[in-house]
């Protein structure tokens, strides 16, 4: 009664109408946000699937090309993954090979097979195309015919000589190098001397996993997760830059660390490697899970494993 006399009843009713209209607009906005988020998600999934199919088609076309004609009639005599003592033994055998001048051909093949390799191997040059990029070692008598994939391969070349041109540094570091493993939730930095990996520093972050609800809540979740990943990668860069700038690793003997001009190799998830290309001499995608120390060791082992093909 008092509200009516003072004219407040009409105002209260109007306020309730506006609040209801506000709630209605908020529901519409949230529904629209969910529709947009769903559309973005479907578009991203479609783009990912298109890229996957395009890569698959490209790979199949390349395989058809490699296996067509003469390629289908030849096969590798054997293959093996080399590391540690076995790798050193195989390299030593190849390095000890000696013949007359112009009797041993060494070629780093990155794209097309050079004429000297095609002429030396004949139809078996098709195997080199399958293994590319690779380092080919073959002699003019056909006693040796092998290809390897050096982890840090040199520029393309092809030359005949009295022996095979091999540089151990193509296969394993001769001096300690910095090696880092970077994932969206983990960063591990170590020193690798060609035999052992020493963990120098690490960063672990709590990054949210996957989300399955979809809609507005998923978009919010993804934005928050992306921010967590960005923060983690920023911290990882700071740690790497600090050590490359000369900061001592915690509880580590600085004299055992790589020199100031040592190479920096960054390994890890392909989606985050781009954040470190300006700091690294080389990057490569590897699959290394688990805790910092073991994961870094697995990454180093995978990157510095040499594939051997017998042609």
C-alpha atoms as a PDB file:
ATOM      1  CA  UNK A   1       0.000   0.000   0.000  1.00  0.00           C
ATOM      2  CA  UNK A   2       2.773   2.407   0.934  1.00  0.00           C
ATOM      3  CA  UNK A   3       4.700   1.439  -2.223  1.00  0.00           C
ATOM      4  CA  UNK A   4       1.635   2.243  -4.321  1.00  0.00           C
ATOM      5  CA  UNK A   5       1.144   5.598  -2.625  1.00  0.00           C
ATOM      6  CA  UNK A   6       4.812   6.498  -3.169  1.00  0.00           C
ATOM      7  CA  UNK A   7       4.818   5.209  -6.721  1.00  0.00           C
ATOM      8  CA  UNK A   8       7.399   2.529  -5.951  1.00  0.00           C
ATOM      9  CA  UNK A   9       5.226  -0.457  -6.872  1.00  0.00           C
ATOM     10  CA  UNK A  10       5.407   0.416 -10.559  1.00  0.00           C
ATOM     11  CA  UNK A  11       9.157   0.877 -10.337  1.00  0.00           C
ATOM     12  CA  UNK A  12       9.619  -2.480  -8.598  1.00  0.00           C
ATOM     13  CA  UNK A  13       7.561  -4.185 -11.259  1.00  0.00           C
ATOM     14  CA  UNK A  14       9.665  -2.543 -13.943  1.00  0.00           C
ATOM     15  CA  UNK A  15      12.846  -3.644 -12.186  1.00  0.00           C
ATOM     16  CA  UNK A  16      11.603  -7.236 -12.099  1.00  0.00           C
ATOM     17  CA  UNK A  17      10.766  -7.049 -15.803  1.00  0.00           C
ATOM     18  CA  UNK A  18      14.233  -5.715 -16.602  1.00  0.00           C
ATOM     19  CA  UNK A  19      15.933  -8.351 -14.457  1.00  0.00           C
ATOM     20  CA  UNK A  20      13.959 -11.074 -16.216  1.00  0.00           C
ATOM     21  CA  UNK A  21      14.874  -9.562 -19.569  1.00  0.00           C
ATOM     22  CA  UNK A  22      18.516  -9.462 -18.457  1.00  0.00           C
ATOM     23  CA  UNK A  23      18.420 -13.133 -17.478  1.00  0.00           C
ATOM     24  CA  UNK A  24      16.838 -13.960 -20.825  1.00  0.00           C
ATOM     25  CA  UNK A  25      19.541 -12.068 -22.723  1.00  0.00           C
ATOM     26  CA  UNK A  26      22.260 -13.774 -20.664  1.00  0.00           C
ATOM     27  CA  UNK A  27      20.770 -17.169 -21.519  1.00  0.00           C
ATOM     28  CA  UNK A  28      20.665 -16.205 -25.185  1.00  0.00           C
ATOM     29  CA  UNK A  29      24.268 -14.954 -25.058  1.00  0.00           C
ATOM     30  CA  UNK A  30      25.459 -18.154 -23.395  1.00  0.00           C
ATOM     31  CA  UNK A  31      23.579 -20.269 -25.927  1.00  0.00           C
ATOM     32  CA  UNK A  32      25.084 -18.239 -28.754  1.00  0.00           C
ATOM     33  CA  UNK A  33      28.542 -18.606 -27.216  1.00  0.00           C
ATOM     34  CA  UNK A  34      28.029 -22.373 -27.024  1.00  0.00           C
ATOM     35  CA  UNK A  35      26.944 -22.463 -30.669  1.00  0.00           C
ATOM     36  CA  UNK A  36      29.992 -20.439 -31.702  1.00  0.00           C
ATOM     37  CA  UNK A  37      32.267 -22.611 -29.594  1.00  0.00           C
ATOM     38  CA  UNK A  38      30.771 -25.745 -31.097  1.00  0.00           C
ATOM     39  CA  UNK A  39      31.177 -24.319 -34.600  1.00  0.00           C
ATOM     40  CA  UNK A  40      34.813 -23.428 -33.894  1.00  0.00           C
ATOM     41  CA  UNK A  41      35.446 -26.874 -32.443  1.00  0.00           C
ATOM     42  CA  UNK A  42      33.890 -28.597 -35.450  1.00  0.00           C
ATOM     43  CA  UNK A  43      35.833 -26.366 -37.825  1.00  0.00           C
ATOM     44  CA  UNK A  44      39.091 -27.120 -36.015  1.00  0.00           C
ATOM     45  CA  UNK A  45      38.337 -30.826 -36.069  1.00  0.00           C
ATOM     46  CA  UNK A  46      37.547 -30.609 -39.777  1.00  0.00           C
ATOM     47  CA  UNK A  47      40.775 -28.703 -40.490  1.00  0.00           C
ATOM     48  CA  UNK A  48      42.765 -31.238 -38.472  1.00  0.00           C
ATOM     49  CA  UNK A  49      41.149 -34.103 -40.358  1.00  0.00           C
ATOM     50  CA  UNK A  50      41.777 -32.385 -43.702  1.00  0.00           C
ATOM     51  CA  UNK A  51      45.446 -31.870 -42.811  1.00  0.00           C
ATOM     52  CA  UNK A  52      45.731 -35.478 -41.691  1.00  0.00           C
ATOM     53  CA  UNK A  53      44.160 -36.744 -44.894  1.00  0.00           C
ATOM     54  CA  UNK A  54      46.320 -34.464 -47.033  1.00  0.00           C
ATOM     55  CA  UNK A  55      49.437 -35.749 -45.258  1.00  0.00           C
ATOM     56  CA  UNK A  56      48.194 -39.296 -45.707  1.00  0.00           C
ATOM     57  CA  UNK A  57      47.550 -38.741 -49.399  1.00  0.00           C
ATOM     58  CA  UNK A  58      50.961 -37.162 -49.850  1.00  0.00           C
ATOM     59  CA  UNK A  59      52.599 -40.053 -48.039  1.00  0.00           C
ATOM     60  CA  UNK A  60      50.725 -42.626 -50.111  1.00  0.00           C
ATOM     61  CA  UNK A  61      51.556 -40.831 -53.353  1.00  0.00           C
ATOM     62  CA  UNK A  62      55.224 -40.766 -52.374  1.00  0.00           C
ATOM     63  CA  UNK A  63      55.094 -44.435 -51.461  1.00  0.00           C
ATOM     64  CA  UNK A  64      53.436 -45.318 -54.766  1.00  0.00           C
ATOM     65  CA  UNK A  65      56.101 -43.347 -56.595  1.00  0.00           C
ATOM     66  CA  UNK A  66      58.876 -45.069 -54.677  1.00  0.00           C
ATOM     67  CA  UNK A  67      57.400 -48.518 -55.115  1.00  0.00           C
ATOM     68  CA  UNK A  68      56.455 -48.093 -58.759  1.00  0.00           C
ATOM     69  CA  UNK A  69      58.430 -49.745 -61.544  1.00  0.00           C
ATOM     70  CA  UNK A  70      61.873 -50.876 -60.512  1.00  0.00           C
ATOM     71  CA  UNK A  71      61.273 -49.966 -56.843  1.00  0.00           C
ATOM     72  CA  UNK A  72      58.860 -52.878 -56.389  1.00  0.00           C
ATOM     73  CA  UNK A  73      61.505 -55.445 -57.357  1.00  0.00           C
ATOM     74  CA  UNK A  74      64.121 -54.545 -54.731  1.00  0.00           C
ATOM     75  CA  UNK A  75      64.170 -54.624 -50.948  1.00  0.00           C
ATOM     76  CA  UNK A  76      66.592 -53.873 -48.147  1.00  0.00           C
ATOM     77  CA  UNK A  77      68.929 -56.697 -47.156  1.00  0.00           C
ATOM     78  CA  UNK A  78      68.400 -55.680 -43.547  1.00  0.00           C
ATOM     79  CA  UNK A  79      67.801 -52.786 -41.158  1.00  0.00           C
ATOM     80  CA  UNK A  80      68.892 -51.962 -37.615  1.00  0.00           C
ATOM     81  CA  UNK A  81      68.772 -49.158 -35.050  1.00  0.00           C
ATOM     82  CA  UNK A  82      72.272 -48.262 -33.840  1.00  0.00           C
ATOM     83  CA  UNK A  83      73.287 -46.596 -30.605  1.00  0.00           C
ATOM     84  CA  UNK A  84      76.129 -46.739 -28.125  1.00  0.00           C
ATOM     85  CA  UNK A  85      78.812 -49.388 -28.623  1.00  0.00           C
ATOM     86  CA  UNK A  86      77.081 -50.990 -31.609  1.00  0.00           C
ATOM     87  CA  UNK A  87      76.896 -47.664 -33.433  1.00  0.00           C
ATOM     88  CA  UNK A  88      80.562 -46.988 -32.720  1.00  0.00           C
ATOM     89  CA  UNK A  89      81.508 -50.447 -33.987  1.00  0.00           C
ATOM     90  CA  UNK A  90      79.649 -50.013 -37.287  1.00  0.00           C
ATOM     91  CA  UNK A  91      81.133 -46.554 -37.838  1.00  0.00           C
ATOM     92  CA  UNK A  92      84.587 -47.914 -37.074  1.00  0.00           C
ATOM     93  CA  UNK A  93      84.160 -50.671 -39.654  1.00  0.00           C
ATOM     94  CA  UNK A  94      83.078 -48.240 -42.329  1.00  0.00           C
ATOM     95  CA  UNK A  95      85.832 -45.810 -41.409  1.00  0.00           C
ATOM     96  CA  UNK A  96      88.475 -48.544 -41.688  1.00  0.00           C
ATOM     97  CA  UNK A  97      87.443 -49.448 -45.234  1.00  0.00           C
ATOM     98  CA  UNK A  98      90.259 -48.644 -47.683  1.00  0.00           C
ATOM     99  CA  UNK A  99      90.517 -49.076 -51.437  1.00  0.00           C
ATOM    100  CA  UNK A 100      92.185 -47.554 -54.464  1.00  0.00           C
ATOM    101  CA  UNK A 101      91.574 -43.931 -55.381  1.00  0.00           C
ATOM    102  CA  UNK A 102      88.004 -43.300 -56.492  1.00  0.00           C
ATOM    103  CA  UNK A 103      86.912 -46.695 -55.158  1.00  0.00           C
ATOM    104  CA  UNK A 104      84.612 -45.631 -52.283  1.00  0.00           C
ATOM    105  CA  UNK A 105      81.557 -43.435 -52.764  1.00  0.00           C
ATOM    106  CA  UNK A 106      80.064 -41.415 -49.914  1.00  0.00           C
ATOM    107  CA  UNK A 107      76.931 -39.326 -50.515  1.00  0.00           C
ATOM    108  CA  UNK A 108      74.611 -37.372 -48.249  1.00  0.00           C
ATOM    109  CA  UNK A 109      71.269 -37.638 -50.014  1.00  0.00           C
ATOM    110  CA  UNK A 110      68.637 -35.156 -48.929  1.00  0.00           C
ATOM    111  CA  UNK A 111      66.216 -34.985 -51.854  1.00  0.00           C
ATOM    112  CA  UNK A 112      66.890 -36.461 -55.284  1.00  0.00           C
ATOM    113  CA  UNK A 113      69.404 -39.291 -55.648  1.00  0.00           C
ATOM    114  CA  UNK A 114      72.617 -37.931 -57.233  1.00  0.00           C
ATOM    115  CA  UNK A 115      73.917 -39.511 -60.445  1.00  0.00           C
ATOM    116  CA  UNK A 116      77.004 -41.126 -58.837  1.00  0.00           C
ATOM    117  CA  UNK A 117      74.737 -43.063 -56.442  1.00  0.00           C
ATOM    118  CA  UNK A 118      72.355 -44.110 -59.222  1.00  0.00           C
ATOM    119  CA  UNK A 119      75.247 -45.249 -61.384  1.00  0.00           C
ATOM    120  CA  UNK A 120      76.901 -47.182 -58.540  1.00  0.00           C
ATOM    121  CA  UNK A 121      73.758 -48.931 -57.300  1.00  0.00           C
ATOM    122  CA  UNK A 122      71.731 -49.323 -60.485  1.00  0.00           C
ATOM    123  CA  UNK A 123      68.198 -50.489 -59.746  1.00  0.00           C
ATOM    124  CA  UNK A 124      69.002 -50.627 -56.026  1.00  0.00           C
ATOM    125  CA  UNK A 125      69.213 -46.834 -56.006  1.00  0.00           C
ATOM    126  CA  UNK A 126      65.450 -47.104 -55.486  1.00  0.00           C
ATOM    127  CA  UNK A 127      66.240 -48.141 -51.904  1.00  0.00           C
ATOM    128  CA  UNK A 128      68.075 -44.876 -51.336  1.00  0.00           C
ATOM    129  CA  UNK A 129      64.951 -42.983 -52.358  1.00  0.00           C
ATOM    130  CA  UNK A 130      63.021 -44.879 -49.681  1.00  0.00           C
ATOM    131  CA  UNK A 131      65.615 -44.095 -47.000  1.00  0.00           C
ATOM    132  CA  UNK A 132      66.174 -40.427 -47.908  1.00  0.00           C
ATOM    133  CA  UNK A 133      67.499 -38.387 -46.171  1.00  0.00           C
ATOM    134  CA  UNK A 134      70.448 -40.705 -45.616  1.00  0.00           C
ATOM    135  CA  UNK A 135      74.221 -41.067 -45.858  1.00  0.00           C
ATOM    136  CA  UNK A 136      75.160 -43.637 -48.505  1.00  0.00           C
ATOM    137  CA  UNK A 137      78.398 -45.661 -48.394  1.00  0.00           C
ATOM    138  CA  UNK A 138      79.099 -47.946 -51.372  1.00  0.00           C
ATOM    139  CA  UNK A 139      82.259 -49.198 -53.053  1.00  0.00           C
ATOM    140  CA  UNK A 140      82.848 -49.877 -56.737  1.00  0.00           C
ATOM    141  CA  UNK A 141      83.164 -53.648 -56.182  1.00  0.00           C
ATOM    142  CA  UNK A 142      79.809 -53.941 -54.411  1.00  0.00           C
ATOM    143  CA  UNK A 143      81.347 -55.230 -51.184  1.00  0.00           C
ATOM    144  CA  UNK A 144      79.830 -52.433 -49.123  1.00  0.00           C
ATOM    145  CA  UNK A 145      76.387 -50.943 -49.741  1.00  0.00           C
ATOM    146  CA  UNK A 146      74.766 -49.246 -46.768  1.00  0.00           C
ATOM    147  CA  UNK A 147      72.840 -46.131 -45.790  1.00  0.00           C
ATOM    148  CA  UNK A 148      72.576 -44.399 -42.419  1.00  0.00           C
ATOM    149  CA  UNK A 149      70.578 -41.452 -41.119  1.00  0.00           C
ATOM    150  CA  UNK A 150      72.931 -39.194 -39.103  1.00  0.00           C
ATOM    151  CA  UNK A 151      71.068 -37.320 -36.329  1.00  0.00           C
ATOM    152  CA  UNK A 152      72.965 -34.137 -37.252  1.00  0.00           C
ATOM    153  CA  UNK A 153      73.404 -34.687 -40.962  1.00  0.00           C
ATOM    154  CA  UNK A 154      75.707 -32.528 -43.110  1.00  0.00           C
ATOM    155  CA  UNK A 155      74.746 -30.707 -46.290  1.00  0.00           C
ATOM    156  CA  UNK A 156      74.226 -32.796 -49.395  1.00  0.00           C
ATOM    157  CA  UNK A 157      77.375 -34.030 -51.156  1.00  0.00           C
ATOM    158  CA  UNK A 158      78.602 -36.968 -53.260  1.00  0.00           C
ATOM    159  CA  UNK A 159      82.256 -37.850 -53.663  1.00  0.00           C
ATOM    160  CA  UNK A 160      84.534 -40.762 -54.517  1.00  0.00           C
ATOM    161  CA  UNK A 161      87.701 -41.404 -52.510  1.00  0.00           C
ATOM    162  CA  UNK A 162      90.016 -44.006 -51.056  1.00  0.00           C
ATOM    163  CA  UNK A 163      87.690 -44.446 -48.100  1.00  0.00           C
ATOM    164  CA  UNK A 164      84.293 -43.354 -46.868  1.00  0.00           C
ATOM    165  CA  UNK A 165      83.875 -39.782 -45.614  1.00  0.00           C
ATOM    166  CA  UNK A 166      82.516 -40.141 -42.094  1.00  0.00           C
ATOM    167  CA  UNK A 167      82.473 -37.611 -39.286  1.00  0.00           C
ATOM    168  CA  UNK A 168      81.602 -39.032 -35.871  1.00  0.00           C
ATOM    169  CA  UNK A 169      80.107 -35.678 -34.886  1.00  0.00           C
ATOM    170  CA  UNK A 170      77.303 -36.367 -37.386  1.00  0.00           C
ATOM    171  CA  UNK A 171      76.218 -39.305 -35.226  1.00  0.00           C
ATOM    172  CA  UNK A 172      77.061 -38.348 -31.646  1.00  0.00           C
ATOM    173  CA  UNK A 173      78.391 -35.174 -29.952  1.00  0.00           C
ATOM    174  CA  UNK A 174      82.162 -35.099 -29.506  1.00  0.00           C
ATOM    175  CA  UNK A 175      81.864 -32.369 -26.866  1.00  0.00           C
ATOM    176  CA  UNK A 176      79.086 -31.810 -24.308  1.00  0.00           C
ATOM    177  CA  UNK A 177      75.967 -30.141 -25.701  1.00  0.00           C
ATOM    178  CA  UNK A 178      72.903 -28.655 -24.096  1.00  0.00           C
ATOM    179  CA  UNK A 179      69.838 -30.813 -24.609  1.00  0.00           C
ATOM    180  CA  UNK A 180      66.341 -29.811 -23.559  1.00  0.00           C
ATOM    181  CA  UNK A 181      63.054 -31.678 -23.505  1.00  0.00           C
ATOM    182  CA  UNK A 182      59.975 -29.490 -23.720  1.00  0.00           C
ATOM    183  CA  UNK A 183      56.370 -30.574 -23.291  1.00  0.00           C
ATOM    184  CA  UNK A 184      53.259 -28.559 -22.557  1.00  0.00           C
ATOM    185  CA  UNK A 185      53.582 -29.538 -18.869  1.00  0.00           C
ATOM    186  CA  UNK A 186      57.279 -30.291 -18.423  1.00  0.00           C
ATOM    187  CA  UNK A 187      60.694 -28.874 -19.256  1.00  0.00           C
ATOM    188  CA  UNK A 188      63.971 -30.674 -18.592  1.00  0.00           C
ATOM    189  CA  UNK A 189      67.419 -29.296 -19.353  1.00  0.00           C
ATOM    190  CA  UNK A 190      70.528 -31.427 -19.359  1.00  0.00           C
ATOM    191  CA  UNK A 191      74.060 -31.887 -20.628  1.00  0.00           C
ATOM    192  CA  UNK A 192      74.884 -34.734 -23.025  1.00  0.00           C
ATOM    193  CA  UNK A 193      78.500 -35.750 -23.652  1.00  0.00           C
ATOM    194  CA  UNK A 194      77.810 -38.478 -26.182  1.00  0.00           C
ATOM    195  CA  UNK A 195      77.522 -41.177 -23.533  1.00  0.00           C
ATOM    196  CA  UNK A 196      75.657 -39.900 -20.476  1.00  0.00           C
ATOM    197  CA  UNK A 197      72.882 -37.368 -19.876  1.00  0.00           C
ATOM    198  CA  UNK A 198      73.083 -35.178 -16.776  1.00  0.00           C
ATOM    199  CA  UNK A 199      69.905 -33.432 -15.648  1.00  0.00           C
ATOM    200  CA  UNK A 200      70.710 -29.785 -14.893  1.00  0.00           C
ATOM    201  CA  UNK A 201      67.331 -28.167 -14.303  1.00  0.00           C
ATOM    202  CA  UNK A 202      63.635 -28.823 -14.797  1.00  0.00           C
ATOM    203  CA  UNK A 203      60.261 -27.130 -14.689  1.00  0.00           C
ATOM    204  CA  UNK A 204      56.991 -28.953 -14.061  1.00  0.00           C
ATOM    205  CA  UNK A 205      53.619 -27.227 -14.291  1.00  0.00           C
ATOM    206  CA  UNK A 206      50.075 -28.227 -13.448  1.00  0.00           C
ATOM    207  CA  UNK A 207      48.318 -27.995 -16.791  1.00  0.00           C
ATOM    208  CA  UNK A 208      44.715 -29.097 -17.099  1.00  0.00           C
ATOM    209  CA  UNK A 209      44.078 -32.149 -19.235  1.00  0.00           C
ATOM    210  CA  UNK A 210      41.230 -32.701 -21.676  1.00  0.00           C
ATOM    211  CA  UNK A 211      37.638 -31.497 -21.444  1.00  0.00           C
ATOM    212  CA  UNK A 212      34.676 -33.403 -22.808  1.00  0.00           C
ATOM    213  CA  UNK A 213      31.608 -31.295 -22.021  1.00  0.00           C
ATOM    214  CA  UNK A 214      31.754 -28.982 -25.017  1.00  0.00           C
ATOM    215  CA  UNK A 215      29.990 -25.664 -25.435  1.00  0.00           C
ATOM    216  CA  UNK A 216      30.677 -22.525 -23.451  1.00  0.00           C
ATOM    217  CA  UNK A 217      32.368 -24.352 -20.572  1.00  0.00           C
ATOM    218  CA  UNK A 218      34.779 -26.058 -23.005  1.00  0.00           C
ATOM    219  CA  UNK A 219      35.758 -22.771 -24.623  1.00  0.00           C
ATOM    220  CA  UNK A 220      36.420 -21.303 -21.184  1.00  0.00           C
ATOM    221  CA  UNK A 221      38.410 -24.407 -20.231  1.00  0.00           C
ATOM    222  CA  UNK A 222      40.524 -24.280 -23.396  1.00  0.00           C
ATOM    223  CA  UNK A 223      41.332 -20.599 -22.893  1.00  0.00           C
ATOM    224  CA  UNK A 224      42.451 -21.287 -19.336  1.00  0.00           C
ATOM    225  CA  UNK A 225      44.521 -24.305 -20.394  1.00  0.00           C
ATOM    226  CA  UNK A 226      46.183 -22.352 -23.230  1.00  0.00           C
ATOM    227  CA  UNK A 227      47.150 -19.675 -20.724  1.00  0.00           C
ATOM    228  CA  UNK A 228      48.620 -22.314 -18.399  1.00  0.00           C
ATOM    229  CA  UNK A 229      50.680 -23.760 -21.263  1.00  0.00           C
ATOM    230  CA  UNK A 230      51.883 -20.278 -22.271  1.00  0.00           C
ATOM    231  CA  UNK A 231      52.951 -19.545 -18.688  1.00  0.00           C
ATOM    232  CA  UNK A 232      54.776 -22.879 -18.508  1.00  0.00           C
ATOM    233  CA  UNK A 233      56.640 -22.255 -21.776  1.00  0.00           C
ATOM    234  CA  UNK A 234      57.600 -18.751 -20.619  1.00  0.00           C
ATOM    235  CA  UNK A 235      59.115 -20.229 -17.452  1.00  0.00           C
ATOM    236  CA  UNK A 236      60.927 -22.876 -19.500  1.00  0.00           C
ATOM    237  CA  UNK A 237      62.437 -20.224 -21.778  1.00  0.00           C
ATOM    238  CA  UNK A 238      63.601 -18.222 -18.772  1.00  0.00           C
ATOM    239  CA  UNK A 239      65.353 -21.280 -17.326  1.00  0.00           C
ATOM    240  CA  UNK A 240      67.014 -22.134 -20.641  1.00  0.00           C
ATOM    241  CA  UNK A 241      68.130 -18.547 -21.254  1.00  0.00           C
ATOM    242  CA  UNK A 242      69.528 -18.319 -17.716  1.00  0.00           C
ATOM    243  CA  UNK A 243      71.701 -21.404 -18.199  1.00  0.00           C
ATOM    244  CA  UNK A 244      72.794 -20.436 -21.685  1.00  0.00           C
ATOM    245  CA  UNK A 245      73.740 -17.075 -20.259  1.00  0.00           C
ATOM    246  CA  UNK A 246      76.086 -18.701 -17.765  1.00  0.00           C
ATOM    247  CA  UNK A 247      73.942 -19.258 -14.674  1.00  0.00           C
ATOM    248  CA  UNK A 248      75.072 -22.322 -12.705  1.00  0.00           C
ATOM    249  CA  UNK A 249      72.782 -25.332 -12.597  1.00  0.00           C
ATOM    250  CA  UNK A 250      71.540 -26.151  -9.145  1.00  0.00           C
ATOM    251  CA  UNK A 251      73.758 -28.724  -7.389  1.00  0.00           C
ATOM    252  CA  UNK A 252      75.786 -29.216 -10.550  1.00  0.00           C
ATOM    253  CA  UNK A 253      79.519 -28.774 -11.146  1.00  0.00           C
ATOM    254  CA  UNK A 254      79.731 -25.863 -13.580  1.00  0.00           C
ATOM    255  CA  UNK A 255      82.949 -27.288 -15.019  1.00  0.00           C
ATOM    256  CA  UNK A 256      80.983 -30.319 -16.284  1.00  0.00           C
ATOM    257  CA  UNK A 257      78.476 -28.183 -18.153  1.00  0.00           C
ATOM    258  CA  UNK A 258      78.723 -27.466 -21.902  1.00  0.00           C
ATOM    259  CA  UNK A 259      80.864 -24.540 -22.999  1.00  0.00           C
ATOM    260  CA  UNK A 260      79.406 -21.149 -23.853  1.00  0.00           C
ATOM    261  CA  UNK A 261      79.468 -21.912 -27.576  1.00  0.00           C
ATOM    262  CA  UNK A 262      78.104 -25.470 -27.272  1.00  0.00           C
ATOM    263  CA  UNK A 263      75.211 -26.560 -29.463  1.00  0.00           C
ATOM    264  CA  UNK A 264      71.692 -26.433 -28.081  1.00  0.00           C
ATOM    265  CA  UNK A 265      69.322 -29.239 -29.075  1.00  0.00           C
ATOM    266  CA  UNK A 266      65.650 -28.870 -28.125  1.00  0.00           C
ATOM    267  CA  UNK A 267      63.457 -31.958 -28.361  1.00  0.00           C
ATOM    268  CA  UNK A 268      59.835 -32.586 -27.477  1.00  0.00           C
ATOM    269  CA  UNK A 269      56.259 -31.986 -28.565  1.00  0.00           C
ATOM    270  CA  UNK A 270      56.069 -30.645 -32.094  1.00  0.00           C
ATOM    271  CA  UNK A 271      53.334 -28.161 -31.124  1.00  0.00           C
ATOM    272  CA  UNK A 272      55.589 -26.290 -28.678  1.00  0.00           C
ATOM    273  CA  UNK A 273      59.014 -26.538 -30.326  1.00  0.00           C
ATOM    274  CA  UNK A 274      58.382 -23.332 -32.275  1.00  0.00           C
ATOM    275  CA  UNK A 275      58.740 -21.337 -29.055  1.00  0.00           C
ATOM    276  CA  UNK A 276      62.418 -22.358 -28.833  1.00  0.00           C
ATOM    277  CA  UNK A 277      63.725 -22.241 -32.402  1.00  0.00           C
ATOM    278  CA  UNK A 278      65.524 -18.934 -31.776  1.00  0.00           C
ATOM    279  CA  UNK A 279      67.472 -20.504 -28.899  1.00  0.00           C
ATOM    280  CA  UNK A 280      68.230 -23.875 -30.481  1.00  0.00           C
ATOM    281  CA  UNK A 281      70.724 -25.042 -33.072  1.00  0.00           C
ATOM    282  CA  UNK A 282      68.471 -27.999 -33.808  1.00  0.00           C
ATOM    283  CA  UNK A 283      64.964 -29.084 -32.854  1.00  0.00           C
ATOM    284  CA  UNK A 284      63.179 -32.383 -33.340  1.00  0.00           C
ATOM    285  CA  UNK A 285      59.883 -33.930 -32.297  1.00  0.00           C
ATOM    286  CA  UNK A 286      60.245 -36.931 -29.986  1.00  0.00           C
ATOM    287  CA  UNK A 287      57.897 -38.991 -27.848  1.00  0.00           C
ATOM    288  CA  UNK A 288      59.156 -38.869 -24.268  1.00  0.00           C
ATOM    289  CA  UNK A 289      56.795 -39.264 -21.318  1.00  0.00           C
ATOM    290  CA  UNK A 290      57.315 -39.588 -17.585  1.00  0.00           C
ATOM    291  CA  UNK A 291      59.407 -37.726 -15.037  1.00  0.00           C
ATOM    292  CA  UNK A 292      62.042 -35.130 -16.094  1.00  0.00           C
ATOM    293  CA  UNK A 293      65.186 -37.254 -15.737  1.00  0.00           C
ATOM    294  CA  UNK A 294      63.987 -40.476 -17.410  1.00  0.00           C
ATOM    295  CA  UNK A 295      62.028 -38.541 -20.054  1.00  0.00           C
ATOM    296  CA  UNK A 296      65.092 -36.500 -20.987  1.00  0.00           C
ATOM    297  CA  UNK A 297      67.126 -39.685 -21.246  1.00  0.00           C
ATOM    298  CA  UNK A 298      64.509 -41.263 -23.525  1.00  0.00           C
ATOM    299  CA  UNK A 299      64.450 -38.157 -25.726  1.00  0.00           C
ATOM    300  CA  UNK A 300      68.237 -38.150 -26.098  1.00  0.00           C
ATOM    301  CA  UNK A 301      68.263 -41.868 -26.885  1.00  0.00           C
ATOM    302  CA  UNK A 302      65.578 -41.462 -29.545  1.00  0.00           C
ATOM    303  CA  UNK A 303      67.207 -38.462 -31.238  1.00  0.00           C
ATOM    304  CA  UNK A 304      70.738 -39.913 -31.285  1.00  0.00           C
ATOM    305  CA  UNK A 305      69.687 -43.332 -32.570  1.00  0.00           C
ATOM    306  CA  UNK A 306      71.008 -44.009 -36.080  1.00  0.00           C
ATOM    307  CA  UNK A 307      69.005 -46.090 -38.533  1.00  0.00           C
ATOM    308  CA  UNK A 308      71.027 -48.474 -40.720  1.00  0.00           C
ATOM    309  CA  UNK A 309      69.789 -49.835 -44.035  1.00  0.00           C
ATOM    310  CA  UNK A 310      71.675 -52.521 -45.951  1.00  0.00           C
ATOM    311  CA  UNK A 311      71.158 -51.764 -49.652  1.00  0.00           C
END
